Amino acid sequence: MITIILADDHKLFREGLRKILESEEGLRVLGEGANGEEALELVRRYHPDILLFDIRMPGMDGLQLIKKMKELGLKVASIAVSAYDDENYLTGLSAEEVRGFVLKSSGSVELLAAIHAVHRGESYADPSIAGKMMSHFSKHRDANDLIERLSPQEKVILYWIAQGYSNQEVAKQAVLSEKTVKNHVSHMLKKLELRDRTQAAVMAWRMGFAQLSQDALKPRTT
């Protein structure tokens, strides 16, 4: 059973969302919050598997809610359900380790796909914005060519950065020293012509790279 907390300031939207989720076997909504403060209290009380939240809410908004949860050590997988697909939102979400992004204009299929992907420890970006977000990076070259510039080790590091991991955490996952990871990150950013790791994470989301399974990153053997 995947347990969920909803956070959105529109009651009708929350009620509709709850009906969709509770009609799906294996999902259970534990509570609803109309703002960040209410959602935070529900998360502290119930410790759900997943938080579905709107970015724009009165008082404590979605990003402030995620930051506060991190400060309190509340480890809950988070999915933003928003009416907005602005680049700044995606950048902010990625920087705060939010694992999923679904547009309110999308259907239940995308929402359920995001929930199951995030519950598996993967990331999910709404397919309806993937093309738009990827276009920024493919003005001068095919988007896939950007990823192919990277070495296998750099691809692994990009993947973990996209999951919101620090250099120290990436080092543990990749079985490397933190200094080696830092060097790889520097080389990776130069190859991708990006300024920082946040841009790299956002790009990985836009291109669908962050949504890959870990097995897909393993070198193929003949």
N, C-alpha and C. Protein backbone atom coordinates (compact mmCIF):
# COMPACT_ATOMS: atom_id res chain seq x y z
N MET A 1 0.83 -1.19 0.00
CA MET A 1 0.00 0.00 0.00
C MET A 1 0.88 1.25 0.00
N ILE A 2 0.65 2.13 -0.98
CA ILE A 2 1.37 3.39 -1.06
C ILE A 2 0.52 4.46 -0.38
N THR A 3 1.05 5.07 0.66
CA THR A 3 0.29 6.09 1.40
C THR A 3 0.66 7.48 0.92
N ILE A 4 -0.35 8.37 0.86
CA ILE A 4 -0.19 9.67 0.21
C ILE A 4 -0.84 10.78 1.02
N ILE A 5 -0.19 11.96 1.03
CA ILE A 5 -0.76 13.19 1.57
C ILE A 5 -0.93 14.16 0.41
N LEU A 6 -2.07 14.84 0.35
CA LEU A 6 -2.34 15.82 -0.70
C LEU A 6 -2.23 17.23 -0.13
N ALA A 7 -1.65 18.15 -0.90
CA ALA A 7 -1.55 19.55 -0.48
C ALA A 7 -1.88 20.46 -1.65
N ASP A 8 -3.03 21.12 -1.57
CA ASP A 8 -3.47 22.03 -2.62
C ASP A 8 -4.52 22.95 -2.02
N ASP A 9 -4.49 24.23 -2.39
CA ASP A 9 -5.43 25.17 -1.79
C ASP A 9 -6.81 25.16 -2.44
N HIS A 10 -7.01 24.38 -3.50
CA HIS A 10 -8.31 24.29 -4.14
C HIS A 10 -9.01 23.00 -3.71
N LYS A 11 -10.08 23.14 -2.93
CA LYS A 11 -10.76 21.99 -2.35
C LYS A 11 -11.32 21.06 -3.42
N LEU A 12 -11.92 21.61 -4.47
CA LEU A 12 -12.50 20.77 -5.51
C LEU A 12 -11.42 19.94 -6.21
N PHE A 13 -10.26 20.54 -6.42
CA PHE A 13 -9.17 19.79 -7.06
C PHE A 13 -8.71 18.66 -6.14
N ARG A 14 -8.57 18.95 -4.84
CA ARG A 14 -8.15 17.91 -3.90
C ARG A 14 -9.15 16.76 -3.86
N GLU A 15 -10.43 17.11 -3.85
CA GLU A 15 -11.45 16.08 -3.79
C GLU A 15 -11.41 15.20 -5.05
N GLY A 16 -11.23 15.84 -6.20
CA GLY A 16 -11.15 15.08 -7.45
C GLY A 16 -9.93 14.18 -7.47
N LEU A 17 -8.81 14.73 -7.00
CA LEU A 17 -7.56 13.98 -6.96
C LEU A 17 -7.70 12.77 -6.03
N ARG A 18 -8.35 13.00 -4.90
CA ARG A 18 -8.52 11.91 -3.92
C ARG A 18 -9.36 10.78 -4.51
N LYS A 19 -10.42 11.13 -5.23
CA LYS A 19 -11.27 10.10 -5.84
C LYS A 19 -10.49 9.26 -6.85
N ILE A 20 -9.65 9.93 -7.63
CA ILE A 20 -8.84 9.21 -8.62
C ILE A 20 -7.90 8.25 -7.92
N LEU A 21 -7.24 8.73 -6.89
CA LEU A 21 -6.23 7.91 -6.21
C LEU A 21 -6.86 6.75 -5.45
N GLU A 22 -7.97 7.00 -4.77
CA GLU A 22 -8.58 5.95 -3.96
C GLU A 22 -9.33 4.92 -4.80
N SER A 23 -9.53 5.22 -6.08
CA SER A 23 -10.13 4.23 -6.97
C SER A 23 -9.08 3.26 -7.51
N GLU A 24 -7.81 3.58 -7.25
CA GLU A 24 -6.70 2.75 -7.72
C GLU A 24 -6.26 1.80 -6.60
N GLU A 25 -6.22 0.53 -6.91
CA GLU A 25 -5.81 -0.46 -5.92
C GLU A 25 -4.36 -0.23 -5.49
N GLY A 26 -4.12 -0.28 -4.21
CA GLY A 26 -2.76 -0.14 -3.70
C GLY A 26 -2.39 1.27 -3.29
N LEU A 27 -3.32 2.23 -3.44
CA LEU A 27 -3.07 3.61 -3.04
C LEU A 27 -4.02 4.01 -1.92
N ARG A 28 -3.51 4.78 -0.97
CA ARG A 28 -4.35 5.23 0.14
C ARG A 28 -3.99 6.67 0.50
N VAL A 29 -4.98 7.55 0.48
CA VAL A 29 -4.79 8.95 0.85
C VAL A 29 -5.02 9.08 2.36
N LEU A 30 -4.01 9.54 3.07
CA LEU A 30 -4.09 9.64 4.52
C LEU A 30 -4.66 10.97 5.00
N GLY A 31 -4.55 12.01 4.15
CA GLY A 31 -5.06 13.31 4.56
C GLY A 31 -4.85 14.36 3.49
N GLU A 32 -5.51 15.52 3.68
CA GLU A 32 -5.43 16.63 2.74
C GLU A 32 -5.09 17.92 3.47
N GLY A 33 -4.23 18.73 2.87
CA GLY A 33 -3.89 20.03 3.42
C GLY A 33 -4.19 21.12 2.42
N ALA A 34 -4.70 22.27 2.90
CA ALA A 34 -5.03 23.39 2.02
C ALA A 34 -3.85 24.34 1.83
N ASN A 35 -2.78 24.11 2.58
CA ASN A 35 -1.59 24.95 2.46
C ASN A 35 -0.38 24.17 2.99
N GLY A 36 0.78 24.81 2.93
CA GLY A 36 1.99 24.14 3.36
C GLY A 36 2.00 23.79 4.84
N GLU A 37 1.46 24.67 5.66
CA GLU A 37 1.45 24.42 7.10
C GLU A 37 0.64 23.18 7.44
N GLU A 38 -0.55 23.07 6.84
CA GLU A 38 -1.40 21.90 7.11
C GLU A 38 -0.75 20.63 6.58
N ALA A 39 -0.15 20.72 5.40
CA ALA A 39 0.50 19.55 4.82
C ALA A 39 1.67 19.09 5.68
N LEU A 40 2.43 20.05 6.20
CA LEU A 40 3.58 19.71 7.05
C LEU A 40 3.12 18.96 8.29
N GLU A 41 2.05 19.42 8.90
CA GLU A 41 1.52 18.75 10.09
C GLU A 41 1.06 17.33 9.77
N LEU A 42 0.43 17.15 8.60
CA LEU A 42 -0.03 15.82 8.20
C LEU A 42 1.15 14.89 7.93
N VAL A 43 2.19 15.42 7.33
CA VAL A 43 3.38 14.61 7.05
C VAL A 43 4.04 14.19 8.37
N ARG A 44 4.13 15.11 9.30
CA ARG A 44 4.74 14.80 10.60
C ARG A 44 3.90 13.77 11.36
N ARG A 45 2.59 13.83 11.19
CA ARG A 45 1.71 12.92 11.93
C ARG A 45 1.68 11.51 11.34
N TYR A 46 1.61 11.45 10.00
CA TYR A 46 1.37 10.15 9.35
C TYR A 46 2.59 9.51 8.69
N HIS A 47 3.62 10.30 8.39
CA HIS A 47 4.81 9.79 7.71
C HIS A 47 4.44 8.99 6.44
N PRO A 48 3.83 9.66 5.46
CA PRO A 48 3.38 8.97 4.25
C PRO A 48 4.56 8.58 3.35
N ASP A 49 4.26 7.75 2.37
CA ASP A 49 5.28 7.40 1.38
C ASP A 49 5.51 8.55 0.41
N ILE A 50 4.42 9.25 0.06
CA ILE A 50 4.49 10.27 -0.98
C ILE A 50 3.68 11.51 -0.59
N LEU A 51 4.23 12.67 -0.92
CA LEU A 51 3.51 13.94 -0.79
C LEU A 51 3.23 14.48 -2.19
N LEU A 52 1.95 14.68 -2.51
CA LEU A 52 1.55 15.34 -3.76
C LEU A 52 1.20 16.78 -3.41
N PHE A 53 1.93 17.73 -3.97
CA PHE A 53 1.73 19.12 -3.55
C PHE A 53 1.68 20.08 -4.71
N ASP A 54 0.92 21.16 -4.53
CA ASP A 54 0.90 22.25 -5.48
C ASP A 54 2.03 23.21 -5.13
N ILE A 55 2.62 23.84 -6.13
CA ILE A 55 3.72 24.76 -5.86
C ILE A 55 3.20 26.06 -5.25
N ARG A 56 2.13 26.59 -5.84
CA ARG A 56 1.58 27.86 -5.37
C ARG A 56 0.45 27.60 -4.38
N MET A 57 0.72 27.90 -3.11
CA MET A 57 -0.29 27.81 -2.06
C MET A 57 -0.14 29.01 -1.15
N PRO A 58 -1.21 29.46 -0.51
CA PRO A 58 -1.12 30.61 0.41
C PRO A 58 -0.29 30.26 1.63
N GLY A 59 0.35 31.27 2.21
CA GLY A 59 1.19 31.02 3.37
C GLY A 59 2.46 30.32 2.94
N MET A 60 2.69 29.15 3.49
CA MET A 60 3.86 28.34 3.10
C MET A 60 3.57 27.67 1.76
N ASP A 61 4.32 28.07 0.71
CA ASP A 61 4.07 27.48 -0.60
C ASP A 61 4.77 26.13 -0.72
N GLY A 62 4.66 25.52 -1.90
CA GLY A 62 5.19 24.18 -2.09
C GLY A 62 6.68 24.03 -1.86
N LEU A 63 7.46 24.94 -2.42
CA LEU A 63 8.91 24.85 -2.26
C LEU A 63 9.34 25.10 -0.82
N GLN A 64 8.66 26.03 -0.16
CA GLN A 64 8.96 26.28 1.25
C GLN A 64 8.62 25.05 2.10
N LEU A 65 7.54 24.39 1.73
CA LEU A 65 7.15 23.16 2.42
C LEU A 65 8.23 22.09 2.30
N ILE A 66 8.75 21.90 1.09
CA ILE A 66 9.78 20.89 0.87
C ILE A 66 11.05 21.24 1.66
N LYS A 67 11.43 22.51 1.65
CA LYS A 67 12.61 22.93 2.40
C LYS A 67 12.43 22.69 3.90
N LYS A 68 11.24 22.98 4.40
CA LYS A 68 10.98 22.79 5.82
C LYS A 68 11.02 21.31 6.19
N MET A 69 10.50 20.48 5.33
CA MET A 69 10.55 19.03 5.56
C MET A 69 11.98 18.55 5.64
N LYS A 70 12.83 19.07 4.77
CA LYS A 70 14.25 18.69 4.79
C LYS A 70 14.91 19.13 6.09
N GLU A 71 14.58 20.36 6.53
CA GLU A 71 15.14 20.87 7.78
C GLU A 71 14.77 19.97 8.96
N LEU A 72 13.56 19.44 8.93
CA LEU A 72 13.06 18.61 10.02
C LEU A 72 13.43 17.14 9.87
N GLY A 73 14.10 16.82 8.78
CA GLY A 73 14.51 15.44 8.55
C GLY A 73 13.37 14.52 8.17
N LEU A 74 12.31 15.07 7.58
CA LEU A 74 11.17 14.27 7.15
C LEU A 74 11.42 13.76 5.74
N LYS A 75 11.74 12.50 5.61
CA LYS A 75 12.09 11.92 4.32
C LYS A 75 10.86 11.33 3.65
N VAL A 76 10.25 12.14 2.81
CA VAL A 76 9.05 11.73 2.08
C VAL A 76 9.27 12.03 0.60
N ALA A 77 9.02 11.06 -0.26
CA ALA A 77 9.15 11.28 -1.71
C ALA A 77 8.08 12.29 -2.13
N SER A 78 8.47 13.29 -2.92
CA SER A 78 7.56 14.39 -3.24
C SER A 78 7.32 14.51 -4.73
N ILE A 79 6.07 14.83 -5.08
CA ILE A 79 5.68 15.05 -6.47
C ILE A 79 4.92 16.37 -6.56
N ALA A 80 5.38 17.27 -7.40
CA ALA A 80 4.69 18.54 -7.62
C ALA A 80 3.60 18.33 -8.67
N VAL A 81 2.40 18.79 -8.34
CA VAL A 81 1.28 18.75 -9.28
C VAL A 81 0.88 20.20 -9.51
N SER A 82 1.26 20.74 -10.65
CA SER A 82 1.14 22.18 -10.85
C SER A 82 0.50 22.54 -12.18
N ALA A 83 -0.06 23.74 -12.23
CA ALA A 83 -0.62 24.26 -13.48
C ALA A 83 0.46 24.96 -14.30
N TYR A 84 1.66 25.09 -13.74
CA TYR A 84 2.71 25.87 -14.38
C TYR A 84 3.89 24.98 -14.77
N ASP A 85 4.45 25.24 -15.96
CA ASP A 85 5.60 24.48 -16.42
C ASP A 85 6.80 25.39 -16.67
N ASP A 86 6.87 26.48 -15.93
CA ASP A 86 7.95 27.44 -16.07
C ASP A 86 9.30 26.82 -15.71
N GLU A 87 10.34 27.21 -16.42
CA GLU A 87 11.68 26.68 -16.20
C GLU A 87 12.17 26.91 -14.77
N ASN A 88 11.82 28.07 -14.21
CA ASN A 88 12.26 28.37 -12.85
C ASN A 88 11.68 27.40 -11.83
N TYR A 89 10.45 26.98 -12.07
CA TYR A 89 9.84 26.01 -11.17
C TYR A 89 10.60 24.69 -11.21
N LEU A 90 10.90 24.23 -12.42
CA LEU A 90 11.62 22.96 -12.56
C LEU A 90 13.00 23.04 -11.90
N THR A 91 13.66 24.17 -12.08
CA THR A 91 14.97 24.34 -11.47
C THR A 91 14.88 24.29 -9.95
N GLY A 92 13.90 24.99 -9.41
CA GLY A 92 13.73 25.00 -7.97
C GLY A 92 13.37 23.63 -7.42
N LEU A 93 12.50 22.92 -8.12
CA LEU A 93 12.09 21.58 -7.69
C LEU A 93 13.27 20.63 -7.69
N SER A 94 14.05 20.67 -8.75
CA SER A 94 15.20 19.78 -8.86
C SER A 94 16.21 20.06 -7.77
N ALA A 95 16.44 21.34 -7.49
CA ALA A 95 17.41 21.71 -6.47
C ALA A 95 16.98 21.23 -5.08
N GLU A 96 15.68 21.12 -4.86
CA GLU A 96 15.17 20.68 -3.56
C GLU A 96 14.86 19.18 -3.53
N GLU A 97 15.35 18.46 -4.54
CA GLU A 97 15.25 17.00 -4.58
C GLU A 97 13.82 16.49 -4.72
N VAL A 98 12.95 17.30 -5.33
CA VAL A 98 11.60 16.82 -5.64
C VAL A 98 11.72 15.84 -6.80
N ARG A 99 11.15 14.66 -6.67
CA ARG A 99 11.39 13.58 -7.63
C ARG A 99 10.41 13.53 -8.79
N GLY A 100 9.28 14.23 -8.69
CA GLY A 100 8.29 14.14 -9.75
C GLY A 100 7.63 15.47 -10.06
N PHE A 101 7.19 15.62 -11.33
CA PHE A 101 6.51 16.83 -11.75
C PHE A 101 5.40 16.44 -12.72
N VAL A 102 4.15 16.78 -12.35
CA VAL A 102 3.00 16.47 -13.19
C VAL A 102 2.17 17.73 -13.36
N LEU A 103 1.71 17.99 -14.58
CA LEU A 103 0.87 19.15 -14.83
C LEU A 103 -0.58 18.83 -14.48
N LYS A 104 -1.30 19.81 -13.98
CA LYS A 104 -2.71 19.62 -13.65
C LYS A 104 -3.55 19.36 -14.89
N SER A 105 -3.05 19.79 -16.03
CA SER A 105 -3.79 19.57 -17.27
C SER A 105 -3.63 18.14 -17.81
N SER A 106 -2.75 17.37 -17.20
CA SER A 106 -2.54 15.99 -17.64
C SER A 106 -3.61 15.08 -17.05
N GLY A 107 -3.58 13.82 -17.46
CA GLY A 107 -4.59 12.88 -17.00
C GLY A 107 -4.11 12.00 -15.87
N SER A 108 -5.00 11.09 -15.47
CA SER A 108 -4.69 10.20 -14.36
C SER A 108 -3.55 9.24 -14.69
N VAL A 109 -3.39 8.92 -15.98
CA VAL A 109 -2.31 8.00 -16.37
C VAL A 109 -0.96 8.57 -15.98
N GLU A 110 -0.74 9.85 -16.28
CA GLU A 110 0.53 10.49 -15.95
C GLU A 110 0.72 10.58 -14.43
N LEU A 111 -0.36 10.91 -13.74
CA LEU A 111 -0.28 11.03 -12.28
C LEU A 111 0.08 9.70 -11.63
N LEU A 112 -0.58 8.64 -12.05
CA LEU A 112 -0.31 7.32 -11.47
C LEU A 112 1.09 6.83 -11.85
N ALA A 113 1.51 7.16 -13.07
CA ALA A 113 2.87 6.78 -13.49
C ALA A 113 3.91 7.46 -12.61
N ALA A 114 3.65 8.73 -12.29
CA ALA A 114 4.58 9.48 -11.44
C ALA A 114 4.63 8.87 -10.04
N ILE A 115 3.48 8.53 -9.49
CA ILE A 115 3.43 7.96 -8.15
C ILE A 115 4.21 6.66 -8.08
N HIS A 116 3.98 5.78 -9.03
CA HIS A 116 4.65 4.48 -8.99
C HIS A 116 6.15 4.61 -9.26
N ALA A 117 6.52 5.53 -10.16
CA ALA A 117 7.95 5.73 -10.45
C ALA A 117 8.68 6.28 -9.22
N VAL A 118 8.09 7.28 -8.61
CA VAL A 118 8.72 7.90 -7.45
C VAL A 118 8.77 6.93 -6.27
N HIS A 119 7.74 6.12 -6.12
CA HIS A 119 7.73 5.13 -5.04
C HIS A 119 8.83 4.09 -5.23
N ARG A 120 9.21 3.83 -6.49
CA ARG A 120 10.31 2.91 -6.78
C ARG A 120 11.67 3.56 -6.58
N GLY A 121 11.68 4.84 -6.26
CA GLY A 121 12.94 5.55 -6.08
C GLY A 121 13.44 6.21 -7.34
N GLU A 122 12.61 6.28 -8.37
CA GLU A 122 12.98 6.90 -9.64
C GLU A 122 12.41 8.31 -9.70
N SER A 123 12.75 9.04 -10.75
CA SER A 123 12.21 10.37 -10.98
C SER A 123 11.22 10.33 -12.13
N TYR A 124 10.35 11.35 -12.19
CA TYR A 124 9.34 11.38 -13.25
C TYR A 124 9.05 12.81 -13.64
N ALA A 125 9.08 13.08 -14.95
CA ALA A 125 8.70 14.38 -15.48
C ALA A 125 7.57 14.18 -16.48
N ASP A 126 6.54 14.98 -16.37
CA ASP A 126 5.36 14.87 -17.21
C ASP A 126 5.76 14.86 -18.70
N PRO A 127 5.34 13.84 -19.45
CA PRO A 127 5.70 13.76 -20.87
C PRO A 127 5.26 14.97 -21.68
N SER A 128 4.17 15.63 -21.26
CA SER A 128 3.65 16.76 -22.03
C SER A 128 4.57 17.97 -22.01
N ILE A 129 5.52 18.02 -21.08
CA ILE A 129 6.46 19.15 -21.06
C ILE A 129 7.86 18.74 -21.47
N ALA A 130 8.07 17.43 -21.69
CA ALA A 130 9.42 16.96 -22.00
C ALA A 130 9.95 17.61 -23.27
N GLY A 131 9.12 17.65 -24.32
CA GLY A 131 9.56 18.23 -25.59
C GLY A 131 9.88 19.69 -25.47
N LYS A 132 9.03 20.41 -24.77
CA LYS A 132 9.23 21.85 -24.60
C LYS A 132 10.52 22.13 -23.84
N MET A 133 10.74 21.39 -22.76
CA MET A 133 11.91 21.63 -21.94
C MET A 133 13.19 21.18 -22.63
N MET A 134 13.08 20.15 -23.44
CA MET A 134 14.25 19.64 -24.12
C MET A 134 14.69 20.57 -25.25
N SER A 135 13.75 21.34 -25.82
CA SER A 135 14.06 22.18 -26.97
C SER A 135 15.12 23.22 -26.66
N HIS A 136 15.16 23.67 -25.41
CA HIS A 136 16.16 24.67 -25.01
C HIS A 136 17.57 24.13 -25.19
N PHE A 137 17.73 22.84 -25.01
CA PHE A 137 19.05 22.25 -25.09
C PHE A 137 19.37 21.68 -26.47
N SER A 138 18.43 21.77 -27.41
CA SER A 138 18.68 21.19 -28.72
C SER A 138 18.58 22.23 -29.84
N LYS A 139 18.83 23.49 -29.48
CA LYS A 139 18.79 24.53 -30.49
C LYS A 139 19.94 24.38 -31.48
N HIS A 140 21.10 23.93 -30.99
CA HIS A 140 22.28 23.85 -31.83
C HIS A 140 22.69 22.41 -32.14
N ARG A 141 22.12 21.45 -31.43
CA ARG A 141 22.50 20.05 -31.66
C ARG A 141 21.42 19.15 -31.12
N ASP A 142 21.38 17.92 -31.59
CA ASP A 142 20.42 16.95 -31.12
C ASP A 142 20.63 16.70 -29.62
N ALA A 143 19.52 16.60 -28.89
CA ALA A 143 19.62 16.46 -27.43
C ALA A 143 20.37 15.20 -27.03
N ASN A 144 20.17 14.12 -27.75
CA ASN A 144 20.86 12.88 -27.40
C ASN A 144 22.36 13.01 -27.53
N ASP A 145 22.80 13.86 -28.43
CA ASP A 145 24.24 14.06 -28.62
C ASP A 145 24.89 14.64 -27.37
N LEU A 146 24.12 15.42 -26.62
CA LEU A 146 24.66 16.01 -25.39
C LEU A 146 25.03 14.92 -24.39
N ILE A 147 24.14 13.98 -24.22
CA ILE A 147 24.40 12.89 -23.29
C ILE A 147 25.53 12.00 -23.80
N GLU A 148 25.56 11.79 -25.10
CA GLU A 148 26.59 10.91 -25.67
C GLU A 148 27.99 11.51 -25.57
N ARG A 149 28.07 12.79 -25.26
CA ARG A 149 29.38 13.41 -25.04
C ARG A 149 30.02 12.88 -23.76
N LEU A 150 29.20 12.39 -22.87
CA LEU A 150 29.69 11.99 -21.55
C LEU A 150 30.24 10.57 -21.55
N SER A 151 31.23 10.36 -20.70
CA SER A 151 31.76 9.01 -20.50
C SER A 151 30.75 8.22 -19.68
N PRO A 152 30.83 6.88 -19.67
CA PRO A 152 29.92 6.08 -18.85
C PRO A 152 29.89 6.52 -17.39
N GLN A 153 31.07 6.85 -16.84
CA GLN A 153 31.13 7.27 -15.44
C GLN A 153 30.44 8.62 -15.25
N GLU A 154 30.61 9.52 -16.19
CA GLU A 154 29.97 10.83 -16.10
C GLU A 154 28.45 10.71 -16.22
N LYS A 155 27.98 9.75 -17.01
CA LYS A 155 26.53 9.52 -17.11
C LYS A 155 25.97 9.06 -15.78
N VAL A 156 26.69 8.18 -15.12
CA VAL A 156 26.25 7.70 -13.81
C VAL A 156 26.17 8.86 -12.82
N ILE A 157 27.18 9.70 -12.85
CA ILE A 157 27.22 10.85 -11.93
C ILE A 157 26.10 11.83 -12.25
N LEU A 158 25.84 12.07 -13.54
CA LEU A 158 24.73 12.95 -13.92
C LEU A 158 23.41 12.39 -13.40
N TYR A 159 23.24 11.09 -13.50
CA TYR A 159 22.01 10.45 -13.03
C TYR A 159 21.79 10.73 -11.55
N TRP A 160 22.83 10.53 -10.74
CA TRP A 160 22.67 10.71 -9.30
C TRP A 160 22.51 12.18 -8.92
N ILE A 161 23.15 13.08 -9.69
CA ILE A 161 22.95 14.50 -9.46
C ILE A 161 21.49 14.86 -9.70
N ALA A 162 20.92 14.26 -10.76
CA ALA A 162 19.51 14.52 -11.09
C ALA A 162 18.57 14.02 -10.00
N GLN A 163 19.02 13.05 -9.21
CA GLN A 163 18.21 12.57 -8.10
C GLN A 163 18.35 13.45 -6.86
N GLY A 164 19.17 14.50 -6.98
CA GLY A 164 19.34 15.44 -5.88
C GLY A 164 20.46 15.08 -4.92
N TYR A 165 21.36 14.18 -5.33
CA TYR A 165 22.44 13.73 -4.45
C TYR A 165 23.59 14.73 -4.41
N SER A 166 24.20 14.87 -3.25
CA SER A 166 25.40 15.70 -3.10
C SER A 166 26.60 14.94 -3.64
N ASN A 167 27.75 15.62 -3.77
CA ASN A 167 28.96 14.93 -4.24
C ASN A 167 29.34 13.77 -3.32
N GLN A 168 29.17 13.98 -2.03
CA GLN A 168 29.49 12.92 -1.07
C GLN A 168 28.58 11.70 -1.27
N GLU A 169 27.29 11.96 -1.49
CA GLU A 169 26.34 10.87 -1.70
C GLU A 169 26.57 10.18 -3.04
N VAL A 170 26.92 10.97 -4.07
CA VAL A 170 27.25 10.39 -5.37
C VAL A 170 28.46 9.48 -5.25
N ALA A 171 29.44 9.93 -4.48
CA ALA A 171 30.67 9.14 -4.30
C ALA A 171 30.35 7.76 -3.72
N LYS A 172 29.41 7.70 -2.78
CA LYS A 172 29.04 6.42 -2.19
C LYS A 172 28.34 5.53 -3.21
N GLN A 173 27.46 6.13 -4.00
CA GLN A 173 26.73 5.36 -4.99
C GLN A 173 27.64 4.84 -6.10
N ALA A 174 28.58 5.68 -6.52
CA ALA A 174 29.47 5.32 -7.64
C ALA A 174 30.74 4.63 -7.18
N VAL A 175 30.91 4.49 -5.87
CA VAL A 175 32.11 3.88 -5.29
C VAL A 175 33.36 4.61 -5.78
N LEU A 176 33.37 5.91 -5.56
CA LEU A 176 34.49 6.77 -5.94
C LEU A 176 34.80 7.70 -4.77
N SER A 177 35.95 8.35 -4.84
CA SER A 177 36.26 9.35 -3.83
C SER A 177 35.47 10.63 -4.15
N GLU A 178 35.23 11.43 -3.14
CA GLU A 178 34.49 12.67 -3.35
C GLU A 178 35.26 13.61 -4.28
N LYS A 179 36.59 13.59 -4.18
CA LYS A 179 37.41 14.43 -5.05
C LYS A 179 37.26 14.01 -6.50
N THR A 180 37.24 12.70 -6.75
CA THR A 180 37.08 12.20 -8.11
C THR A 180 35.72 12.60 -8.68
N VAL A 181 34.69 12.50 -7.85
CA VAL A 181 33.35 12.91 -8.28
C VAL A 181 33.33 14.38 -8.64
N LYS A 182 33.97 15.20 -7.81
CA LYS A 182 34.02 16.64 -8.07
C LYS A 182 34.69 16.93 -9.41
N ASN A 183 35.77 16.20 -9.72
CA ASN A 183 36.45 16.38 -11.01
C ASN A 183 35.56 15.96 -12.17
N HIS A 184 34.87 14.83 -11.99
CA HIS A 184 33.96 14.35 -13.03
C HIS A 184 32.83 15.36 -13.29
N VAL A 185 32.32 15.94 -12.22
CA VAL A 185 31.24 16.93 -12.36
C VAL A 185 31.73 18.13 -13.16
N SER A 186 32.94 18.58 -12.86
CA SER A 186 33.51 19.72 -13.57
C SER A 186 33.66 19.43 -15.06
N HIS A 187 34.19 18.24 -15.40
CA HIS A 187 34.34 17.86 -16.81
C HIS A 187 32.99 17.71 -17.49
N MET A 188 32.03 17.13 -16.77
CA MET A 188 30.69 16.92 -17.32
C MET A 188 30.02 18.24 -17.68
N LEU A 189 30.13 19.22 -16.78
CA LEU A 189 29.52 20.53 -17.03
C LEU A 189 30.13 21.21 -18.25
N LYS A 190 31.44 21.06 -18.41
CA LYS A 190 32.11 21.65 -19.57
C LYS A 190 31.60 21.01 -20.87
N LYS A 191 31.46 19.69 -20.87
CA LYS A 191 30.98 18.99 -22.06
C LYS A 191 29.55 19.38 -22.42
N LEU A 192 28.74 19.60 -21.41
CA LEU A 192 27.35 19.95 -21.63
C LEU A 192 27.13 21.45 -21.78
N GLU A 193 28.21 22.23 -21.59
CA GLU A 193 28.15 23.69 -21.71
C GLU A 193 27.14 24.29 -20.72
N LEU A 194 27.22 23.81 -19.49
CA LEU A 194 26.32 24.28 -18.44
C LEU A 194 27.13 24.95 -17.33
N ARG A 195 26.46 25.79 -16.54
CA ARG A 195 27.14 26.55 -15.50
C ARG A 195 27.30 25.76 -14.20
N ASP A 196 26.26 25.02 -13.82
CA ASP A 196 26.29 24.39 -12.50
C ASP A 196 25.50 23.08 -12.50
N ARG A 197 25.55 22.38 -11.37
CA ARG A 197 24.92 21.08 -11.23
C ARG A 197 23.39 21.16 -11.26
N THR A 198 22.85 22.30 -10.84
CA THR A 198 21.40 22.47 -10.91
C THR A 198 20.92 22.45 -12.35
N GLN A 199 21.64 23.17 -13.22
CA GLN A 199 21.30 23.15 -14.64
C GLN A 199 21.41 21.73 -15.19
N ALA A 200 22.43 21.00 -14.76
CA ALA A 200 22.62 19.62 -15.23
C ALA A 200 21.45 18.74 -14.80
N ALA A 201 20.99 18.91 -13.56
CA ALA A 201 19.87 18.13 -13.06
C ALA A 201 18.60 18.44 -13.84
N VAL A 202 18.34 19.71 -14.08
CA VAL A 202 17.15 20.10 -14.84
C VAL A 202 17.21 19.53 -16.25
N MET A 203 18.38 19.61 -16.88
CA MET A 203 18.52 19.06 -18.22
C MET A 203 18.24 17.56 -18.25
N ALA A 204 18.73 16.87 -17.24
CA ALA A 204 18.52 15.42 -17.17
C ALA A 204 17.04 15.10 -17.05
N TRP A 205 16.32 15.91 -16.31
CA TRP A 205 14.87 15.71 -16.19
C TRP A 205 14.20 15.96 -17.53
N ARG A 206 14.56 17.05 -18.17
CA ARG A 206 13.92 17.43 -19.42
C ARG A 206 14.12 16.39 -20.52
N MET A 207 15.28 15.78 -20.52
CA MET A 207 15.62 14.84 -21.58
C MET A 207 15.16 13.42 -21.26
N GLY A 208 14.59 13.22 -20.09
CA GLY A 208 14.15 11.88 -19.72
C GLY A 208 15.25 11.02 -19.13
N PHE A 209 16.45 11.57 -19.02
CA PHE A 209 17.59 10.80 -18.51
C PHE A 209 17.42 10.48 -17.02
N ALA A 210 16.85 11.42 -16.28
CA ALA A 210 16.68 11.23 -14.83
C ALA A 210 15.66 10.16 -14.51
N GLN A 211 14.79 9.84 -15.50
CA GLN A 211 13.75 8.85 -15.26
C GLN A 211 14.19 7.42 -15.59
N LEU A 212 15.41 7.26 -16.09
CA LEU A 212 15.90 5.92 -16.42
C LEU A 212 16.04 5.07 -15.16
N SER A 213 15.97 3.77 -15.33
CA SER A 213 16.25 2.87 -14.21
C SER A 213 17.76 2.79 -14.04
N GLN A 214 18.19 2.40 -12.85
CA GLN A 214 19.62 2.27 -12.59
C GLN A 214 20.26 1.21 -13.48
N ASP A 215 19.50 0.18 -13.82
CA ASP A 215 20.02 -0.89 -14.67
C ASP A 215 20.39 -0.37 -16.05
N ALA A 216 19.66 0.66 -16.52
CA ALA A 216 19.93 1.20 -17.85
C ALA A 216 21.28 1.91 -17.91
N LEU A 217 21.85 2.24 -16.77
CA LEU A 217 23.14 2.93 -16.73
C LEU A 217 24.32 1.96 -16.72
N LYS A 218 24.03 0.68 -16.48
CA LYS A 218 25.12 -0.29 -16.42
C LYS A 218 25.68 -0.57 -17.80
N PRO A 219 26.99 -0.68 -17.95
CA PRO A 219 27.59 -0.98 -19.26
C PRO A 219 27.07 -2.30 -19.80
N ARG A 220 26.79 -2.32 -21.09
CA ARG A 220 26.32 -3.56 -21.70
C ARG A 220 27.48 -4.49 -22.03
N THR A 221 27.26 -5.75 -21.77
CA THR A 221 28.30 -6.75 -22.07
C THR A 221 27.84 -7.61 -23.22
N THR A 222 28.78 -8.06 -24.03
CA THR A 222 28.42 -8.88 -25.19
C THR A 222 28.63 -10.34 -24.86
